[in-house]
Each structure stands twice: as C-alpha cells, then as structure tokens.
Protein backbone atom coordinates (compact mmCIF):
# COMPACT_ATOMS: atom_id res chain seq x y z
CA MET A 1 147.98 67.82 115.55
CA ALA A 2 150.79 70.03 116.80
CA GLN A 3 150.23 73.39 118.41
CA TYR A 4 149.39 76.34 116.18
CA LEU A 5 152.36 78.75 116.35
CA ALA A 6 152.20 80.91 113.19
CA GLY A 7 152.69 84.68 113.50
CA THR A 8 152.96 86.81 116.63
CA VAL A 9 150.44 88.36 119.02
CA THR A 10 149.67 91.52 120.95
CA VAL A 11 148.22 91.15 124.46
CA THR A 12 146.95 93.74 126.95
CA ASN A 13 146.94 93.36 130.71
CA GLY A 14 143.39 93.05 132.01
CA SER A 15 141.89 92.42 128.55
CA THR A 16 140.51 89.19 127.09
CA VAL A 17 141.21 90.23 123.47
CA VAL A 18 144.32 88.86 121.70
CA THR A 19 145.33 90.39 118.36
CA GLY A 20 147.39 88.40 115.86
CA SER A 21 149.83 89.37 113.13
CA GLY A 22 150.45 86.79 110.38
CA THR A 23 147.88 84.47 111.96
CA LEU A 24 145.10 82.41 110.37
CA TRP A 25 143.12 81.40 113.45
CA ASN A 26 139.75 81.22 111.73
CA THR A 27 141.03 79.19 108.76
CA ASN A 28 141.09 75.38 108.48
CA GLY A 29 140.26 74.92 112.16
CA ASN A 30 143.62 76.32 113.27
CA ALA A 31 142.00 77.53 116.52
CA ALA A 32 138.62 76.96 118.18
CA ALA A 33 136.73 77.76 121.35
CA GLY A 34 137.95 75.44 124.10
CA ASP A 35 141.56 75.41 122.90
CA ILE A 36 144.17 76.80 125.28
CA PHE A 37 146.51 79.74 124.61
CA THR A 38 149.83 80.76 126.12
CA ILE A 39 152.58 83.32 125.60
CA ALA A 40 155.94 81.61 125.12
CA GLU A 41 158.10 81.31 128.24
CA THR A 42 155.32 82.36 130.65
CA GLY A 43 153.97 78.95 131.60
CA VAL A 44 150.42 80.34 131.98
CA TRP A 45 147.61 78.92 129.85
CA TYR A 46 144.26 80.56 129.07
CA GLU A 47 141.16 78.94 127.62
CA VAL A 48 139.99 80.35 124.28
CA ALA A 49 136.38 81.55 124.59
CA SER A 50 135.91 82.40 120.91
CA VAL A 51 137.81 82.80 117.64
CA ASP A 52 136.56 86.09 116.21
CA SER A 53 138.63 86.24 113.00
CA ASP A 54 141.97 85.14 111.55
CA THR A 55 143.63 87.88 113.62
CA GLN A 56 141.52 88.13 116.78
CA LEU A 57 140.47 85.75 119.49
CA THR A 58 138.88 86.21 122.90
CA LEU A 59 140.10 84.50 126.07
CA ALA A 60 137.78 83.18 128.76
CA ALA A 61 139.71 85.12 131.42
CA ALA A 62 141.52 88.45 131.24
CA TYR A 63 145.22 88.30 130.42
CA ALA A 64 147.21 88.75 133.63
CA GLY A 65 150.67 89.38 132.17
CA ASP A 66 152.27 92.61 130.96
CA THR A 67 150.97 94.46 127.92
CA ASP A 68 153.27 93.67 124.96
CA ALA A 69 153.36 93.13 121.18
CA GLY A 70 155.21 90.91 118.70
CA LEU A 71 155.18 87.95 121.09
CA ASP A 72 155.62 84.27 120.27
CA TYR A 73 152.69 82.18 121.43
CA ALA A 74 151.07 78.76 121.17
CA ILE A 75 147.54 77.45 120.84
CA ALA A 76 147.17 73.86 122.06
CA ARG A 77 144.49 72.05 120.06
CA ASP A 78 144.78 68.39 121.13
CA PHE A 79 142.84 67.01 124.13
CA THR A 80 141.83 63.55 125.31
CA PRO A 81 138.30 62.66 124.15
CA ASN A 82 136.64 61.96 127.52
CA TYR A 83 137.99 64.52 129.98
CA GLY A 84 139.62 67.11 127.72
CA ILE A 85 143.13 66.70 129.16
CA PRO A 86 145.77 68.60 127.11
CA TRP A 87 147.77 66.22 124.90
CA PRO A 88 151.37 67.32 124.09
CA ASN A 89 152.85 66.59 120.67
CA ARG A 90 156.36 66.57 119.22
CA GLY A 91 157.45 70.13 118.40
CA ASP A 92 155.18 71.79 120.98
CA ILE A 93 156.51 74.65 123.09
CA GLU A 94 155.83 75.15 126.82
CA VAL A 95 155.65 71.37 127.17
CA ALA A 96 156.50 71.48 130.88
CA SER A 97 153.65 73.83 131.74
CA LEU A 98 151.31 71.89 129.43
CA LEU A 99 152.18 68.63 131.21
CA LYS A 100 151.65 70.36 134.57
CA ARG A 101 148.17 71.41 133.45
CA SER A 102 147.41 67.87 132.26
CA LEU A 103 148.65 66.23 135.45
CA THR A 104 146.69 68.69 137.59
CA LYS A 105 143.48 67.76 135.80
CA ILE A 106 144.28 64.03 136.07
CA ASP A 107 144.94 64.46 139.79
CA ALA A 108 141.60 66.23 140.26
CA LEU A 109 139.75 63.48 138.40
CA ILE A 110 141.42 60.72 140.46
CA PHE A 111 140.67 62.62 143.67
CA ALA A 112 137.03 62.98 142.63
CA ALA A 113 136.78 59.28 141.89
CA ASP A 114 138.26 58.40 145.30
CA THR A 115 136.05 60.91 147.17
CA PRO A 116 132.37 60.10 146.56
CA GLY A 117 129.93 62.76 147.68
CA LEU A 118 132.52 65.52 147.63
CA ALA A 119 130.73 68.77 148.55
CA GLY A 120 130.84 71.67 146.09
CA ALA A 121 131.22 75.39 146.73
CA TRP A 122 127.87 77.14 146.20
CA LEU A 123 128.30 80.30 144.09
CA GLY A 124 124.66 81.28 143.58
CA ALA A 125 123.27 82.26 140.18
CA TRP A 126 125.42 81.31 137.17
CA GLU A 127 127.07 84.20 135.32
CA ALA A 128 129.28 84.07 132.26
CA GLY A 129 132.86 83.41 133.44
CA THR A 130 135.23 80.64 134.49
CA TYR A 131 134.23 77.92 136.96
CA THR A 132 136.31 75.17 138.53
CA LEU A 133 135.77 71.58 139.60
CA TYR A 134 132.87 71.02 142.07
CA GLN A 135 131.67 74.61 142.07
CA MET A 136 127.87 74.70 142.14
CA VAL A 137 125.47 77.23 140.62
CA GLU A 138 121.78 77.87 139.99
CA HIS A 139 120.71 78.38 136.37
CA ASN A 140 117.24 78.46 134.81
CA GLY A 141 115.72 77.17 138.03
CA ALA A 142 117.97 74.10 138.40
CA ALA A 143 121.18 73.44 140.39
CA TRP A 144 124.37 72.30 138.63
CA ILE A 145 127.86 71.12 139.69
CA CYS A 146 130.97 71.61 137.56
CA ASN A 147 132.67 68.34 136.59
CA ALA A 148 135.58 69.94 134.71
CA VAL A 149 138.80 71.35 136.11
CA THR A 150 137.78 74.66 134.55
CA THR A 151 134.94 75.65 132.24
CA THR A 152 133.24 78.66 130.71
CA GLU A 153 130.37 76.54 129.39
CA GLU A 154 126.79 77.48 130.27
CA PRO A 155 125.00 74.82 132.36
CA SER A 156 122.39 72.84 130.40
CA ASP A 157 121.35 69.28 129.69
CA GLU A 158 123.68 69.35 126.66
CA ALA A 159 126.68 70.80 128.55
CA SER A 160 129.42 68.22 129.11
CA ASP A 161 131.12 70.25 131.88
CA TRP A 162 128.09 70.35 134.22
CA ASP A 163 126.07 67.69 136.04
CA LEU A 164 122.49 68.28 137.20
CA VAL A 165 122.13 68.33 141.00
CA ALA A 166 118.49 69.36 141.38
CA GLN A 167 115.95 69.78 138.59
CA LYS A 168 113.65 72.81 138.41
CA GLY A 169 110.23 71.82 139.75
CA ASP A 170 106.99 71.95 137.81
CA THR A 171 104.91 75.12 137.90
CA GLY A 172 102.48 74.94 140.78
CA ALA A 173 98.72 75.22 140.46
CA THR A 174 97.22 78.70 140.31
CA GLY A 175 96.32 79.88 143.79
CA VAL A 176 92.82 80.82 144.90
CA ILE A 177 91.89 84.50 144.63
CA GLY A 178 89.67 85.51 147.52
CA ALA A 179 87.17 88.37 147.75
CA TRP A 180 87.93 90.52 150.80
CA ARG A 181 84.78 91.21 152.81
CA GLY A 182 86.31 92.96 155.81
CA ALA A 183 85.27 92.13 159.38
CA TRP A 184 83.01 89.08 159.71
CA SER A 185 79.43 89.70 160.78
CA ALA A 186 76.55 87.26 161.00
CA GLY A 187 75.22 86.60 157.50
CA THR A 188 75.81 84.57 154.35
CA TYR A 189 79.23 84.22 152.72
CA ASP A 190 80.15 82.74 149.35
CA LEU A 191 82.99 80.38 148.39
CA HIS A 192 86.40 82.11 148.71
CA ASP A 193 85.09 85.15 150.55
CA VAL A 194 87.82 86.34 152.95
CA VAL A 195 87.07 87.96 156.31
CA HIS A 196 88.75 89.19 159.47
CA HIS A 197 87.49 87.70 162.73
CA ALA A 198 88.91 87.60 166.25
CA GLY A 199 92.27 88.88 165.05
CA SER A 200 92.75 86.28 162.28
CA ALA A 201 91.93 86.12 158.55
CA TRP A 202 89.73 83.34 157.14
CA ILE A 203 88.61 82.15 153.69
CA ALA A 204 85.23 80.53 153.10
CA VAL A 205 85.35 76.92 151.81
CA PRO A 206 81.75 75.72 152.17
CA ALA A 207 81.06 72.23 150.83
CA ASN A 208 77.29 72.47 150.53
CA SER A 209 75.51 72.48 147.20
CA ASP A 210 75.01 76.26 147.00
CA ALA A 211 78.63 77.02 148.09
CA THR A 212 77.57 79.42 150.86
CA THR A 213 77.91 79.46 154.63
CA THR A 214 76.50 81.23 157.65
CA GLU A 215 78.96 79.56 160.04
CA GLU A 216 81.16 81.71 162.27
CA PRO A 217 84.89 81.40 161.45
CA SER A 218 86.90 79.45 164.01
CA GLY A 219 89.40 76.64 164.27
CA ALA A 220 86.51 74.20 164.58
CA ALA A 221 84.48 75.60 161.66
CA ALA A 222 84.35 73.23 158.67
CA ASP A 223 83.34 76.01 156.26
CA TRP A 224 86.38 78.23 156.91
CA ASP A 225 90.15 77.82 156.42
CA LEU A 226 92.69 79.95 158.29
CA VAL A 227 94.61 82.38 156.06
CA ALA A 228 96.61 84.33 158.65
CA GLN A 229 96.78 83.58 162.37
CA LYS A 230 96.40 86.30 164.97
CA GLY A 231 99.83 87.13 166.35
CA ASP A 232 100.86 86.85 169.99
CA THR A 233 100.47 89.83 172.26
CA GLY A 234 103.61 91.94 172.14
CA ALA A 235 105.79 92.71 175.13
CA THR A 236 104.87 95.65 177.34
CA GLY A 237 106.66 98.79 176.24
CA ALA A 238 109.06 100.76 178.42
CA GLN A 239 107.60 103.25 180.90
CA GLY A 240 107.37 106.66 179.29
CA ASP A 241 108.62 109.90 180.82
CA PRO A 242 106.08 111.59 183.12
CA GLY A 243 104.09 114.43 181.56
CA SER A 244 103.83 117.94 182.94
CA ASN A 245 101.06 119.35 185.15
CA TRP A 246 99.74 122.53 183.51
CA GLN A 247 99.11 125.24 186.13
CA GLY A 248 98.26 128.17 183.85
CA PRO A 249 99.83 131.62 184.40
CA TRP A 250 102.61 131.74 186.99
CA GLU A 251 101.73 133.34 190.32
CA ALA A 252 103.94 133.79 193.33
CA GLY A 253 103.72 130.61 195.35
CA THR A 254 105.07 127.06 195.59
CA TYR A 255 105.43 124.76 192.56
CA ALA A 256 106.41 121.07 192.37
CA VAL A 257 108.58 119.15 189.91
CA ASN A 258 106.86 118.81 186.46
CA ASP A 259 104.47 121.68 187.13
CA SER A 260 104.34 123.85 184.00
CA VAL A 261 103.28 127.47 183.75
CA GLU A 262 103.03 130.43 181.37
CA HIS A 263 105.02 133.53 182.32
CA LEU A 264 105.80 136.66 180.30
CA GLY A 265 104.65 134.94 177.10
CA SER A 266 106.78 131.78 177.48
CA ALA A 267 106.05 128.30 178.87
CA TRP A 268 108.18 126.82 181.65
CA ILE A 269 108.44 123.48 183.50
CA CYS A 270 109.57 123.14 187.09
CA VAL A 271 112.76 121.10 187.62
CA ALA A 272 113.26 122.09 191.24
CA ALA A 273 116.34 120.55 192.79
CA ASP A 274 115.42 121.39 196.39
CA SER A 275 115.32 118.52 198.84
CA ASP A 276 111.52 118.63 198.93
CA GLY A 277 111.18 118.94 195.12
CA THR A 278 109.47 122.34 195.19
CA THR A 279 110.33 125.92 194.33
CA THR A 280 109.07 129.46 194.89
CA GLU A 281 111.47 130.91 192.30
CA GLU A 282 110.06 133.05 189.47
CA PRO A 283 110.58 131.49 185.99
CA SER A 284 113.30 133.19 183.89
CA ASP A 285 116.39 132.38 181.85
CA GLU A 286 118.44 132.81 185.03
CA ALA A 287 116.20 130.62 187.20
CA THR A 288 117.77 127.26 188.04
CA ASP A 289 114.47 125.68 189.11
CA TRP A 290 112.76 126.18 185.73
CA ASP A 291 113.41 124.94 182.17
CA LEU A 292 112.03 126.71 179.12
CA LEU A 293 109.39 124.69 177.23
CA ALA A 294 108.36 127.25 174.59
CA ALA A 295 109.83 130.73 174.17
CA LYS A 296 107.67 133.78 173.62
CA GLY A 297 107.41 134.56 169.92
CA ASP A 298 108.90 137.65 168.28
CA GLN A 299 106.81 140.81 167.98
CA GLY A 300 104.72 140.58 164.81
CA GLU A 301 104.77 143.21 162.08
CA GLN A 302 102.39 146.15 162.36
CA GLY A 303 99.02 145.47 160.77
CA ILE A 304 97.53 147.31 157.77
CA GLN A 305 95.78 150.63 158.43
CA GLY A 306 92.08 150.02 158.95
CA GLU A 307 89.33 151.74 156.97
CA GLN A 308 87.98 155.08 158.21
CA GLY A 309 84.99 154.74 160.48
CA ILE A 310 81.44 156.01 159.72
CA GLN A 311 80.76 159.72 160.31
CA GLY A 312 79.13 160.24 163.69
CA GLU A 313 75.76 162.00 164.14
CA GLN A 314 75.57 165.83 164.40
CA GLY A 315 75.79 166.99 167.98
CA ILE A 316 72.96 168.93 169.66
C-alpha cells in the first residue's frame, strides 16, 4: 500500500510524541508500531514505537528537528517480509531518502553475510530504546545480539530482531550452611561445623556413619574442607617517627633531641639544632630549641562557696 499522508502534524524538538490534525492513524491499520515516519522535505525517518490514537503516535527516538505545526508528513507502511526493508510505492514522497534507508539496510545485511563472526559492541543491560546492527546486550540473564539495522524490540525468544548469544544458566544447587564454632580445639565436631584453625577456616565433612570427627583440620585431613585460606604475611610497614623521652618537670641542665618536659604548665619537646643535638635553653614560646606539645590550659572558673565549717570547741 502507499504511504499514509492524510492530515498534518505537530512535532516538538526533543519529544517522541507526534500530534495529528485530520489524521486517522488508529483506524483501518493506517499506521502501526514498526512503521517509519518522516516530515516532508527533511529526509529523516523515525520508527513508530506505538500508535496511541487517531491523532497521536509515539516515535522510538526523540524528534531532532525544529518544533513546528501544520506540517506535511508520511508514514511508510510497506516492508519486505524477511528483513523489513522499506518498500517504496508509486505516489510516495521522500522516495530518495526512503531508498537510501533501504539500500543502507541491504548493504548492512550483505556485509554481515560476507563477514562471519563479526564482533558486536557490548552495551550491558538492555534498556528500552533504539539499538543497531550487532549491538549486544544482557537481558533476563541471557546475552543477545541485534540482527536488525535498528530496533526498539525487547530481546526474547519470540523477538525477530535479536539472536541469542548465550543462554541464562540453570539455578545452581543450594549451598551448604555451616555452623560457626569459632577456634578449633580438640573435641568432636558435627557435619558442616565451621572452625578457625592455624589462620584458615574449615568446614567439617566427616564420612563416617555418625557424621562426626575428632580430626584436626589440615590440608591432609579427610574430614575437613578448606573454606578460606590463610593469607600471606603482609609487607613490613614503614618505620614510624621516633617517640619522645619524657623527663618530667624542666630543670636547668642539658637536654637532647626528643626529650620532652613540663614547664610552667605546658609540655615541650626538644628540637635542638646545635651541632651536638643538645640544648640548655629554657622552654618558652621564644625558645628555638623547643616545640610546644601541649599548652597550659586557661584558668578555670572560681568554684562554688563551700559550706560553713563546724563550730569549734569553747576555749579555756
């Protein structure tokens, strides 16, 4: 059938919604999802995602042209049965751009046929939107590759635009739940008891009739399986800064580097820069051979008046 051209449309830049005037899109199959839509004299075609009513349809991708109203348009409805290549008819508009779209898809299909094993572009988890030939996605646990020039179809076994690359695997068996018993010590352990021993974690798997073991966990023990291996010894850390040598209250005399003292309520550390690394200087803010460690606190507030004392005895 020829293109559907009745009425005019309003389009908005950045929007997927097309509004019609004098259109009957939802009547007699005049338009359907998968058809392609264009504004006359633009040469750009958009796939129709859904026909919402006689006067509204939704595009698969946002309209990239200028916002405008009262525009002539076309909806192409004819496609080849196997690969969905647009099929021009007598009386169609935008025939040149329609043929370009058709030839581009034919070229892609020929290229695919001549290039076995062509790698796809991995896009991660499938999301609603437009995908192109050979793009690959993950959906519902399986991997899929797009076999259409463009598609908005959701990957599934029924989807004609996607081929299965890797099927979702079966659900694995339920894992064993162990009972944590802490550090191993000589004694009896039951099946699936979990212990810590020699830096590693072990789970009991005794095969005897009562499903218990007194064996010590080790790589050679038949009644234990390794759960988590002891890690390697870490690298030696960097040498820390030397600590200070507490000397108590400062007194006149000689002090060495890293000696620390208390003086006038503050704490000080000796950083003497003399050639022999000593000082006889008194600690103060002006002293170059001392650094302040902890300043004397501010004077506290006056305490509360105490209670009156007991009356003394009568004098003789």
